[in-house]
Amino acid sequence: MVTVRTVHTADLDPAARRAARELLFEVFGADEMTEQDWSHCLGGMHVLAWEEGELIGHAAVVQRRLLNGGRVLRTGYLEGVAVRRDRQRRGIGGKVMDEAERVVRAAHEIGALGASEAGVPFYLARGWRRWPGPTWALGPHGRQRTPEEDGDIYLLGGEGELDLTADLVCDWREGDLW
């Protein structure tokens, strides 16, 4: 039986924190998962899927700010969405996302994530929409174009509120900006 638990980073016990980090490095591999990527998962809400005392699924919802058409949007940004390889395609990712999306809708104006190619069909089926325009980051020296992210950013909510003719700008952070 799979149980899903939501906990803030501050309340994540050391064993669960270690298990989450290990799961992400196992699923994504050292080529795609870095310590900076792991640090991007911290400071928000973790959705954890457990089965028989083992962590088999994870997603983090961290607060970020996105700028669009003169508006600053309080954004629930998803990081570290993963299901252990031997447990994939069994509905666990859906359970994790159900809870992550609940957190986004309850606490944020919009949800956002950077999708891998493999994750795109999953997110589209759940109602996430691809951002159609250019992406930017607001950094120490002003706005910085992030063309490598164009087409890879997906949003949840905000229909009718977003200006699709304006840019989408994320707040600055070390490592991957999106």
N, C-alpha and C. Protein backbone atom coordinates (compact mmCIF):
# COMPACT_ATOMS: atom_id res chain seq x y z
N MET A 1 0.84 -1.18 0.00
CA MET A 1 0.00 0.00 0.00
C MET A 1 0.88 1.25 0.00
N VAL A 2 0.56 2.16 -0.87
CA VAL A 2 1.32 3.40 -1.00
C VAL A 2 0.64 4.48 -0.16
N THR A 3 1.44 5.16 0.66
CA THR A 3 0.94 6.30 1.42
C THR A 3 1.69 7.54 0.96
N VAL A 4 0.97 8.65 0.85
CA VAL A 4 1.56 9.91 0.42
C VAL A 4 1.49 10.87 1.60
N ARG A 5 2.62 11.47 1.88
CA ARG A 5 2.73 12.41 3.00
C ARG A 5 3.33 13.71 2.49
N THR A 6 2.84 14.83 3.01
CA THR A 6 3.36 16.14 2.64
C THR A 6 4.01 16.76 3.86
N VAL A 7 5.24 17.24 3.70
CA VAL A 7 5.97 17.80 4.83
C VAL A 7 6.88 18.92 4.34
N HIS A 8 7.01 19.97 5.13
CA HIS A 8 7.91 21.06 4.80
C HIS A 8 9.35 20.60 5.04
N THR A 9 10.28 21.17 4.30
CA THR A 9 11.70 20.84 4.47
C THR A 9 12.12 20.95 5.93
N ALA A 10 11.63 21.96 6.64
CA ALA A 10 12.01 22.17 8.04
C ALA A 10 11.60 21.00 8.93
N ASP A 11 10.56 20.26 8.51
CA ASP A 11 10.06 19.15 9.32
C ASP A 11 10.43 17.78 8.76
N LEU A 12 11.26 17.78 7.75
CA LEU A 12 11.71 16.53 7.13
C LEU A 12 12.80 15.92 7.99
N ASP A 13 12.54 14.73 8.53
CA ASP A 13 13.56 14.13 9.39
C ASP A 13 14.78 13.73 8.56
N PRO A 14 15.94 13.60 9.18
CA PRO A 14 17.17 13.34 8.43
C PRO A 14 17.10 12.09 7.55
N ALA A 15 16.46 11.04 8.00
CA ALA A 15 16.38 9.81 7.20
C ALA A 15 15.53 10.03 5.95
N ALA A 16 14.42 10.72 6.08
CA ALA A 16 13.57 11.00 4.92
C ALA A 16 14.26 11.95 3.95
N ARG A 17 14.96 12.93 4.49
CA ARG A 17 15.70 13.87 3.64
C ARG A 17 16.77 13.13 2.84
N ARG A 18 17.49 12.25 3.51
CA ARG A 18 18.52 11.45 2.84
C ARG A 18 17.89 10.54 1.78
N ALA A 19 16.76 9.91 2.12
CA ALA A 19 16.08 9.02 1.18
C ALA A 19 15.61 9.78 -0.06
N ALA A 20 15.11 11.00 0.12
CA ALA A 20 14.66 11.80 -1.02
C ALA A 20 15.83 12.15 -1.93
N ARG A 21 16.91 12.58 -1.35
CA ARG A 21 18.09 12.93 -2.14
C ARG A 21 18.58 11.70 -2.91
N GLU A 22 18.68 10.56 -2.23
CA GLU A 22 19.14 9.33 -2.88
C GLU A 22 18.21 8.90 -4.01
N LEU A 23 16.90 9.03 -3.79
CA LEU A 23 15.95 8.66 -4.83
C LEU A 23 16.16 9.51 -6.09
N LEU A 24 16.32 10.80 -5.92
CA LEU A 24 16.49 11.68 -7.07
C LEU A 24 17.77 11.39 -7.83
N PHE A 25 18.86 11.16 -7.11
CA PHE A 25 20.12 10.84 -7.78
C PHE A 25 20.03 9.48 -8.48
N GLU A 26 19.30 8.54 -7.89
CA GLU A 26 19.13 7.22 -8.50
C GLU A 26 18.30 7.32 -9.78
N VAL A 27 17.18 8.04 -9.74
CA VAL A 27 16.29 8.12 -10.89
C VAL A 27 16.91 8.94 -12.02
N PHE A 28 17.49 10.09 -11.69
CA PHE A 28 18.00 10.98 -12.74
C PHE A 28 19.46 10.71 -13.11
N GLY A 29 20.22 10.09 -12.24
CA GLY A 29 21.62 9.84 -12.52
C GLY A 29 22.47 11.08 -12.29
N ALA A 30 23.76 10.85 -12.09
CA ALA A 30 24.69 11.94 -11.78
C ALA A 30 24.85 12.92 -12.94
N ASP A 31 24.52 12.50 -14.16
CA ASP A 31 24.63 13.40 -15.31
C ASP A 31 23.54 14.48 -15.29
N GLU A 32 22.37 14.16 -14.75
CA GLU A 32 21.25 15.10 -14.76
C GLU A 32 20.94 15.69 -13.40
N MET A 33 21.34 15.02 -12.32
CA MET A 33 21.03 15.50 -10.97
C MET A 33 22.32 15.97 -10.32
N THR A 34 22.30 17.21 -9.84
CA THR A 34 23.48 17.76 -9.18
C THR A 34 23.11 18.19 -7.76
N GLU A 35 24.11 18.54 -6.99
CA GLU A 35 23.84 19.05 -5.64
C GLU A 35 23.05 20.35 -5.71
N GLN A 36 23.30 21.17 -6.74
CA GLN A 36 22.51 22.39 -6.90
C GLN A 36 21.06 22.06 -7.20
N ASP A 37 20.84 21.04 -8.04
CA ASP A 37 19.47 20.62 -8.33
C ASP A 37 18.78 20.17 -7.04
N TRP A 38 19.50 19.41 -6.22
CA TRP A 38 18.93 18.97 -4.95
C TRP A 38 18.61 20.19 -4.06
N SER A 39 19.50 21.17 -4.04
CA SER A 39 19.26 22.35 -3.20
C SER A 39 18.02 23.11 -3.67
N HIS A 40 17.69 23.04 -4.97
CA HIS A 40 16.49 23.69 -5.48
C HIS A 40 15.22 23.04 -4.93
N CYS A 41 15.31 21.81 -4.46
CA CYS A 41 14.16 21.09 -3.88
C CYS A 41 13.88 21.51 -2.44
N LEU A 42 14.80 22.20 -1.83
CA LEU A 42 14.70 22.49 -0.39
C LEU A 42 14.03 23.83 -0.13
N GLY A 43 13.39 23.94 1.02
CA GLY A 43 12.78 25.18 1.44
C GLY A 43 11.30 25.28 1.19
N GLY A 44 10.70 24.22 0.70
CA GLY A 44 9.26 24.23 0.43
C GLY A 44 8.63 22.95 0.95
N MET A 45 7.58 22.54 0.27
CA MET A 45 6.84 21.35 0.64
C MET A 45 7.32 20.14 -0.17
N HIS A 46 7.53 19.03 0.53
CA HIS A 46 7.90 17.77 -0.12
C HIS A 46 6.69 16.85 -0.10
N VAL A 47 6.38 16.27 -1.24
CA VAL A 47 5.36 15.24 -1.32
C VAL A 47 6.12 13.93 -1.45
N LEU A 48 5.90 13.05 -0.48
CA LEU A 48 6.65 11.80 -0.38
C LEU A 48 5.70 10.61 -0.49
N ALA A 49 6.01 9.68 -1.39
CA ALA A 49 5.23 8.45 -1.52
C ALA A 49 6.04 7.31 -0.91
N TRP A 50 5.45 6.65 0.06
CA TRP A 50 6.11 5.56 0.79
C TRP A 50 5.38 4.24 0.54
N GLU A 51 6.17 3.18 0.45
CA GLU A 51 5.61 1.83 0.35
C GLU A 51 6.48 0.92 1.20
N GLU A 52 5.86 0.30 2.19
CA GLU A 52 6.56 -0.62 3.09
C GLU A 52 7.84 0.01 3.66
N GLY A 53 7.73 1.27 4.07
CA GLY A 53 8.86 1.95 4.70
C GLY A 53 9.93 2.46 3.76
N GLU A 54 9.71 2.31 2.45
CA GLU A 54 10.70 2.79 1.47
C GLU A 54 10.12 3.96 0.67
N LEU A 55 10.93 4.97 0.46
CA LEU A 55 10.51 6.10 -0.35
C LEU A 55 10.56 5.71 -1.81
N ILE A 56 9.42 5.84 -2.49
CA ILE A 56 9.36 5.44 -3.90
C ILE A 56 8.95 6.59 -4.82
N GLY A 57 8.55 7.73 -4.24
CA GLY A 57 8.16 8.87 -5.06
C GLY A 57 8.39 10.17 -4.32
N HIS A 58 8.67 11.22 -5.08
CA HIS A 58 8.97 12.52 -4.49
C HIS A 58 8.61 13.63 -5.46
N ALA A 59 8.15 14.75 -4.90
CA ALA A 59 8.05 16.02 -5.62
C ALA A 59 8.19 17.12 -4.58
N ALA A 60 8.82 18.20 -4.96
CA ALA A 60 8.92 19.36 -4.08
C ALA A 60 8.20 20.53 -4.73
N VAL A 61 7.49 21.29 -3.91
CA VAL A 61 6.85 22.53 -4.37
C VAL A 61 7.53 23.65 -3.61
N VAL A 62 8.30 24.45 -4.33
CA VAL A 62 9.01 25.57 -3.71
C VAL A 62 8.44 26.88 -4.26
N GLN A 63 8.43 27.90 -3.42
CA GLN A 63 7.90 29.17 -3.87
C GLN A 63 8.93 29.95 -4.67
N ARG A 64 8.48 30.43 -5.81
CA ARG A 64 9.30 31.30 -6.66
C ARG A 64 8.43 32.45 -7.12
N ARG A 65 9.04 33.41 -7.78
CA ARG A 65 8.31 34.53 -8.37
C ARG A 65 8.53 34.49 -9.88
N LEU A 66 7.44 34.53 -10.62
CA LEU A 66 7.50 34.67 -12.07
C LEU A 66 6.90 36.03 -12.42
N LEU A 67 7.50 36.67 -13.40
CA LEU A 67 7.01 37.95 -13.91
C LEU A 67 6.39 37.72 -15.28
N ASN A 68 5.22 38.34 -15.49
CA ASN A 68 4.56 38.22 -16.78
C ASN A 68 3.69 39.44 -16.99
N GLY A 69 3.96 40.18 -18.06
CA GLY A 69 3.12 41.30 -18.42
C GLY A 69 2.91 42.32 -17.31
N GLY A 70 3.94 42.62 -16.56
CA GLY A 70 3.84 43.59 -15.49
C GLY A 70 3.31 43.03 -14.17
N ARG A 71 3.03 41.75 -14.12
CA ARG A 71 2.55 41.12 -12.89
C ARG A 71 3.63 40.24 -12.28
N VAL A 72 3.64 40.21 -10.96
CA VAL A 72 4.51 39.30 -10.22
C VAL A 72 3.61 38.20 -9.68
N LEU A 73 3.90 36.96 -10.06
CA LEU A 73 3.06 35.83 -9.70
C LEU A 73 3.73 34.96 -8.64
N ARG A 74 3.05 34.75 -7.53
CA ARG A 74 3.53 33.82 -6.50
C ARG A 74 3.34 32.41 -7.09
N THR A 75 4.45 31.75 -7.30
CA THR A 75 4.45 30.51 -8.08
C THR A 75 4.89 29.32 -7.25
N GLY A 76 4.13 28.26 -7.33
CA GLY A 76 4.55 26.98 -6.78
C GLY A 76 5.33 26.25 -7.86
N TYR A 77 6.64 26.20 -7.70
CA TYR A 77 7.51 25.63 -8.73
C TYR A 77 7.85 24.20 -8.33
N LEU A 78 7.58 23.25 -9.21
CA LEU A 78 7.85 21.85 -8.91
C LEU A 78 9.29 21.49 -9.24
N GLU A 79 9.90 20.81 -8.31
CA GLU A 79 11.28 20.33 -8.46
C GLU A 79 11.33 18.87 -8.03
N GLY A 80 12.27 18.14 -8.58
CA GLY A 80 12.55 16.79 -8.11
C GLY A 80 11.36 15.85 -8.18
N VAL A 81 10.61 15.90 -9.27
CA VAL A 81 9.47 14.99 -9.44
C VAL A 81 10.03 13.66 -9.96
N ALA A 82 9.87 12.62 -9.16
CA ALA A 82 10.46 11.33 -9.55
C ALA A 82 9.74 10.19 -8.86
N VAL A 83 9.73 9.04 -9.54
CA VAL A 83 9.26 7.78 -8.99
C VAL A 83 10.36 6.76 -9.23
N ARG A 84 10.63 5.96 -8.21
CA ARG A 84 11.67 4.93 -8.34
C ARG A 84 11.39 4.09 -9.59
N ARG A 85 12.44 3.80 -10.34
CA ARG A 85 12.29 3.16 -11.66
C ARG A 85 11.46 1.87 -11.62
N ASP A 86 11.66 1.04 -10.61
CA ASP A 86 10.92 -0.23 -10.57
C ASP A 86 9.47 -0.05 -10.13
N ARG A 87 9.05 1.17 -9.82
CA ARG A 87 7.67 1.44 -9.39
C ARG A 87 6.95 2.38 -10.36
N GLN A 88 7.61 2.73 -11.48
CA GLN A 88 6.99 3.62 -12.45
C GLN A 88 5.88 2.92 -13.22
N ARG A 89 4.97 3.73 -13.75
CA ARG A 89 3.83 3.28 -14.55
C ARG A 89 2.83 2.48 -13.72
N ARG A 90 2.71 2.83 -12.43
CA ARG A 90 1.76 2.15 -11.54
C ARG A 90 0.86 3.14 -10.81
N GLY A 91 0.83 4.39 -11.27
CA GLY A 91 -0.05 5.39 -10.68
C GLY A 91 0.56 6.16 -9.52
N ILE A 92 1.78 5.86 -9.15
CA ILE A 92 2.41 6.54 -8.02
C ILE A 92 2.71 7.99 -8.36
N GLY A 93 3.19 8.23 -9.57
CA GLY A 93 3.44 9.60 -10.00
C GLY A 93 2.18 10.43 -9.97
N GLY A 94 1.07 9.84 -10.35
CA GLY A 94 -0.21 10.54 -10.30
C GLY A 94 -0.61 10.90 -8.89
N LYS A 95 -0.38 10.00 -7.95
CA LYS A 95 -0.70 10.28 -6.55
C LYS A 95 0.17 11.40 -6.01
N VAL A 96 1.45 11.38 -6.36
CA VAL A 96 2.37 12.43 -5.92
C VAL A 96 1.95 13.76 -6.53
N MET A 97 1.63 13.76 -7.80
CA MET A 97 1.23 15.00 -8.47
C MET A 97 -0.12 15.50 -7.98
N ASP A 98 -1.05 14.61 -7.65
CA ASP A 98 -2.33 15.05 -7.09
C ASP A 98 -2.08 15.95 -5.88
N GLU A 99 -1.21 15.51 -4.99
CA GLU A 99 -0.93 16.28 -3.78
C GLU A 99 -0.11 17.53 -4.09
N ALA A 100 0.88 17.42 -4.96
CA ALA A 100 1.69 18.59 -5.32
C ALA A 100 0.81 19.66 -5.96
N GLU A 101 -0.09 19.26 -6.83
CA GLU A 101 -0.98 20.21 -7.48
C GLU A 101 -1.98 20.81 -6.47
N ARG A 102 -2.39 20.04 -5.48
CA ARG A 102 -3.25 20.58 -4.43
C ARG A 102 -2.53 21.71 -3.70
N VAL A 103 -1.25 21.48 -3.37
CA VAL A 103 -0.45 22.50 -2.70
C VAL A 103 -0.33 23.74 -3.59
N VAL A 104 -0.06 23.54 -4.87
CA VAL A 104 0.06 24.68 -5.79
C VAL A 104 -1.23 25.48 -5.81
N ARG A 105 -2.35 24.81 -5.99
CA ARG A 105 -3.64 25.52 -6.11
C ARG A 105 -4.04 26.22 -4.82
N ALA A 106 -3.70 25.62 -3.67
CA ALA A 106 -4.12 26.18 -2.39
C ALA A 106 -3.24 27.34 -1.93
N ALA A 107 -1.98 27.36 -2.35
CA ALA A 107 -1.04 28.33 -1.77
C ALA A 107 -0.39 29.28 -2.78
N HIS A 108 -0.66 29.10 -4.06
CA HIS A 108 0.04 29.87 -5.09
C HIS A 108 -0.94 30.35 -6.14
N GLU A 109 -0.52 31.36 -6.89
CA GLU A 109 -1.34 31.87 -7.98
C GLU A 109 -1.24 30.99 -9.22
N ILE A 110 -0.10 30.34 -9.37
CA ILE A 110 0.17 29.54 -10.57
C ILE A 110 1.20 28.46 -10.22
N GLY A 111 1.20 27.40 -10.99
CA GLY A 111 2.23 26.38 -10.86
C GLY A 111 3.12 26.42 -12.09
N ALA A 112 4.38 26.03 -11.91
CA ALA A 112 5.31 25.99 -13.04
C ALA A 112 6.31 24.86 -12.81
N LEU A 113 6.86 24.38 -13.90
CA LEU A 113 7.92 23.37 -13.84
C LEU A 113 8.67 23.34 -15.15
N GLY A 114 9.89 22.85 -15.10
CA GLY A 114 10.68 22.59 -16.30
C GLY A 114 10.58 21.11 -16.58
N ALA A 115 9.99 20.74 -17.71
CA ALA A 115 9.71 19.33 -18.00
C ALA A 115 10.81 18.70 -18.84
N SER A 116 11.12 17.47 -18.49
CA SER A 116 11.99 16.67 -19.36
C SER A 116 11.14 16.18 -20.53
N GLU A 117 11.79 15.76 -21.58
CA GLU A 117 11.07 15.25 -22.75
C GLU A 117 10.19 14.07 -22.36
N ALA A 118 10.70 13.20 -21.52
CA ALA A 118 9.94 12.02 -21.10
C ALA A 118 8.73 12.39 -20.26
N GLY A 119 8.80 13.51 -19.52
CA GLY A 119 7.71 13.90 -18.64
C GLY A 119 6.59 14.67 -19.32
N VAL A 120 6.83 15.19 -20.52
CA VAL A 120 5.86 16.04 -21.19
C VAL A 120 4.48 15.38 -21.32
N PRO A 121 4.36 14.16 -21.85
CA PRO A 121 3.02 13.56 -21.99
C PRO A 121 2.29 13.44 -20.64
N PHE A 122 3.00 13.11 -19.60
CA PHE A 122 2.43 12.99 -18.26
C PHE A 122 1.85 14.32 -17.81
N TYR A 123 2.62 15.41 -17.94
CA TYR A 123 2.16 16.71 -17.49
C TYR A 123 1.01 17.23 -18.36
N LEU A 124 1.09 17.05 -19.67
CA LEU A 124 0.01 17.49 -20.54
C LEU A 124 -1.30 16.77 -20.19
N ALA A 125 -1.23 15.48 -19.92
CA ALA A 125 -2.43 14.71 -19.56
C ALA A 125 -3.05 15.20 -18.26
N ARG A 126 -2.26 15.86 -17.42
CA ARG A 126 -2.75 16.37 -16.14
C ARG A 126 -3.23 17.82 -16.24
N GLY A 127 -3.18 18.41 -17.44
CA GLY A 127 -3.68 19.76 -17.63
C GLY A 127 -2.63 20.86 -17.56
N TRP A 128 -1.36 20.50 -17.47
CA TRP A 128 -0.30 21.51 -17.53
C TRP A 128 -0.22 21.99 -18.98
N ARG A 129 0.12 23.27 -19.15
CA ARG A 129 0.23 23.86 -20.48
C ARG A 129 1.65 24.35 -20.75
N ARG A 130 2.11 24.10 -21.96
CA ARG A 130 3.44 24.59 -22.35
C ARG A 130 3.39 26.10 -22.52
N TRP A 131 4.40 26.78 -21.94
CA TRP A 131 4.51 28.23 -22.14
C TRP A 131 4.96 28.45 -23.58
N PRO A 132 4.18 29.22 -24.37
CA PRO A 132 4.47 29.33 -25.80
C PRO A 132 5.52 30.36 -26.17
N GLY A 133 5.88 31.23 -25.25
CA GLY A 133 6.76 32.34 -25.61
C GLY A 133 8.17 32.19 -25.08
N PRO A 134 8.93 33.27 -25.18
CA PRO A 134 10.31 33.26 -24.71
C PRO A 134 10.40 33.26 -23.18
N THR A 135 11.49 32.72 -22.70
CA THR A 135 11.74 32.68 -21.26
C THR A 135 12.97 33.53 -20.93
N TRP A 136 12.92 34.09 -19.72
CA TRP A 136 13.96 34.98 -19.24
C TRP A 136 14.19 34.71 -17.76
N ALA A 137 15.28 35.23 -17.23
CA ALA A 137 15.53 35.24 -15.79
C ALA A 137 15.92 36.66 -15.40
N LEU A 138 15.48 37.05 -14.20
CA LEU A 138 15.84 38.36 -13.68
C LEU A 138 17.02 38.17 -12.74
N GLY A 139 18.20 38.59 -13.20
CA GLY A 139 19.43 38.31 -12.47
C GLY A 139 20.08 39.54 -11.89
N PRO A 140 21.27 39.37 -11.37
CA PRO A 140 22.00 40.47 -10.74
C PRO A 140 22.28 41.63 -11.69
N HIS A 141 22.30 41.35 -12.98
CA HIS A 141 22.61 42.39 -13.97
C HIS A 141 21.41 42.67 -14.88
N GLY A 142 20.22 42.39 -14.37
CA GLY A 142 19.02 42.64 -15.15
C GLY A 142 18.47 41.38 -15.78
N ARG A 143 17.63 41.57 -16.78
CA ARG A 143 17.00 40.42 -17.46
C ARG A 143 18.01 39.69 -18.31
N GLN A 144 17.94 38.38 -18.26
CA GLN A 144 18.84 37.53 -19.03
C GLN A 144 17.98 36.52 -19.79
N ARG A 145 18.18 36.45 -21.08
CA ARG A 145 17.44 35.51 -21.93
C ARG A 145 17.85 34.08 -21.61
N THR A 146 16.87 33.15 -21.60
CA THR A 146 17.14 31.73 -21.35
C THR A 146 16.55 30.89 -22.49
N PRO A 147 17.09 31.05 -23.70
CA PRO A 147 16.49 30.38 -24.87
C PRO A 147 16.53 28.86 -24.78
N GLU A 148 17.48 28.31 -24.02
CA GLU A 148 17.56 26.85 -23.88
C GLU A 148 16.36 26.27 -23.15
N GLU A 149 15.59 27.13 -22.47
CA GLU A 149 14.40 26.68 -21.74
C GLU A 149 13.11 26.88 -22.53
N ASP A 150 13.18 27.61 -23.63
CA ASP A 150 11.99 27.83 -24.45
C ASP A 150 11.38 26.49 -24.85
N GLY A 151 10.09 26.35 -24.62
CA GLY A 151 9.38 25.12 -24.98
C GLY A 151 9.40 24.06 -23.89
N ASP A 152 10.19 24.27 -22.84
CA ASP A 152 10.30 23.26 -21.78
C ASP A 152 9.61 23.66 -20.48
N ILE A 153 9.02 24.85 -20.43
CA ILE A 153 8.38 25.33 -19.21
C ILE A 153 6.87 25.10 -19.34
N TYR A 154 6.30 24.48 -18.29
CA TYR A 154 4.89 24.15 -18.26
C TYR A 154 4.24 24.82 -17.06
N LEU A 155 2.98 25.26 -17.27
CA LEU A 155 2.25 26.02 -16.26
C LEU A 155 0.94 25.33 -15.91
N LEU A 156 0.53 25.53 -14.67
CA LEU A 156 -0.75 25.04 -14.18
C LEU A 156 -1.51 26.22 -13.59
N GLY A 157 -2.72 26.42 -14.06
CA GLY A 157 -3.53 27.54 -13.56
C GLY A 157 -3.17 28.82 -14.29
N GLY A 158 -3.81 29.90 -13.89
CA GLY A 158 -3.53 31.20 -14.47
C GLY A 158 -4.18 31.45 -15.81
N GLU A 159 -5.05 30.53 -16.25
CA GLU A 159 -5.73 30.75 -17.53
C GLU A 159 -6.48 32.07 -17.46
N GLY A 160 -6.35 32.85 -18.51
CA GLY A 160 -7.02 34.14 -18.57
C GLY A 160 -6.28 35.24 -17.84
N GLU A 161 -5.31 34.90 -17.00
CA GLU A 161 -4.55 35.90 -16.25
C GLU A 161 -3.21 36.19 -16.89
N LEU A 162 -2.66 35.23 -17.59
CA LEU A 162 -1.34 35.39 -18.19
C LEU A 162 -1.44 36.13 -19.52
N ASP A 163 -0.47 36.96 -19.77
CA ASP A 163 -0.36 37.65 -21.04
C ASP A 163 0.54 36.79 -21.93
N LEU A 164 -0.08 36.08 -22.86
CA LEU A 164 0.67 35.17 -23.71
C LEU A 164 1.55 35.89 -24.73
N THR A 165 1.38 37.21 -24.87
CA THR A 165 2.23 37.98 -25.78
C THR A 165 3.43 38.57 -25.05
N ALA A 166 3.44 38.48 -23.72
CA ALA A 166 4.55 39.02 -22.92
C ALA A 166 5.55 37.91 -22.61
N ASP A 167 6.68 38.31 -22.09
CA ASP A 167 7.71 37.35 -21.68
C ASP A 167 7.32 36.68 -20.37
N LEU A 168 7.93 35.54 -20.10
CA LEU A 168 7.83 34.89 -18.80
C LEU A 168 9.22 34.94 -18.19
N VAL A 169 9.33 35.54 -17.01
CA VAL A 169 10.61 35.81 -16.39
C VAL A 169 10.63 35.15 -15.01
N CYS A 170 11.66 34.35 -14.73
CA CYS A 170 11.77 33.73 -13.40
C CYS A 170 12.75 34.52 -12.54
N ASP A 171 12.63 34.31 -11.24
CA ASP A 171 13.59 34.90 -10.31
C ASP A 171 14.93 34.18 -10.44
N TRP A 172 15.98 34.82 -9.97
CA TRP A 172 17.34 34.31 -10.11
C TRP A 172 17.65 33.26 -9.04
N ARG A 173 18.44 32.29 -9.41
CA ARG A 173 19.00 31.33 -8.46
C ARG A 173 20.27 30.75 -9.07
N GLU A 174 21.10 30.18 -8.25
CA GLU A 174 22.33 29.55 -8.72
C GLU A 174 21.99 28.28 -9.50
N GLY A 175 22.83 27.92 -10.45
CA GLY A 175 22.60 26.69 -11.23
C GLY A 175 21.55 26.90 -12.30
N ASP A 176 20.79 25.84 -12.57
CA ASP A 176 19.72 25.94 -13.56
C ASP A 176 18.74 27.01 -13.12
N LEU A 177 18.50 27.99 -13.98
CA LEU A 177 17.63 29.09 -13.61
C LEU A 177 16.16 28.67 -13.59
N TRP A 178 15.80 27.78 -14.48
CA TRP A 178 14.43 27.29 -14.53
C TRP A 178 14.42 25.94 -13.92
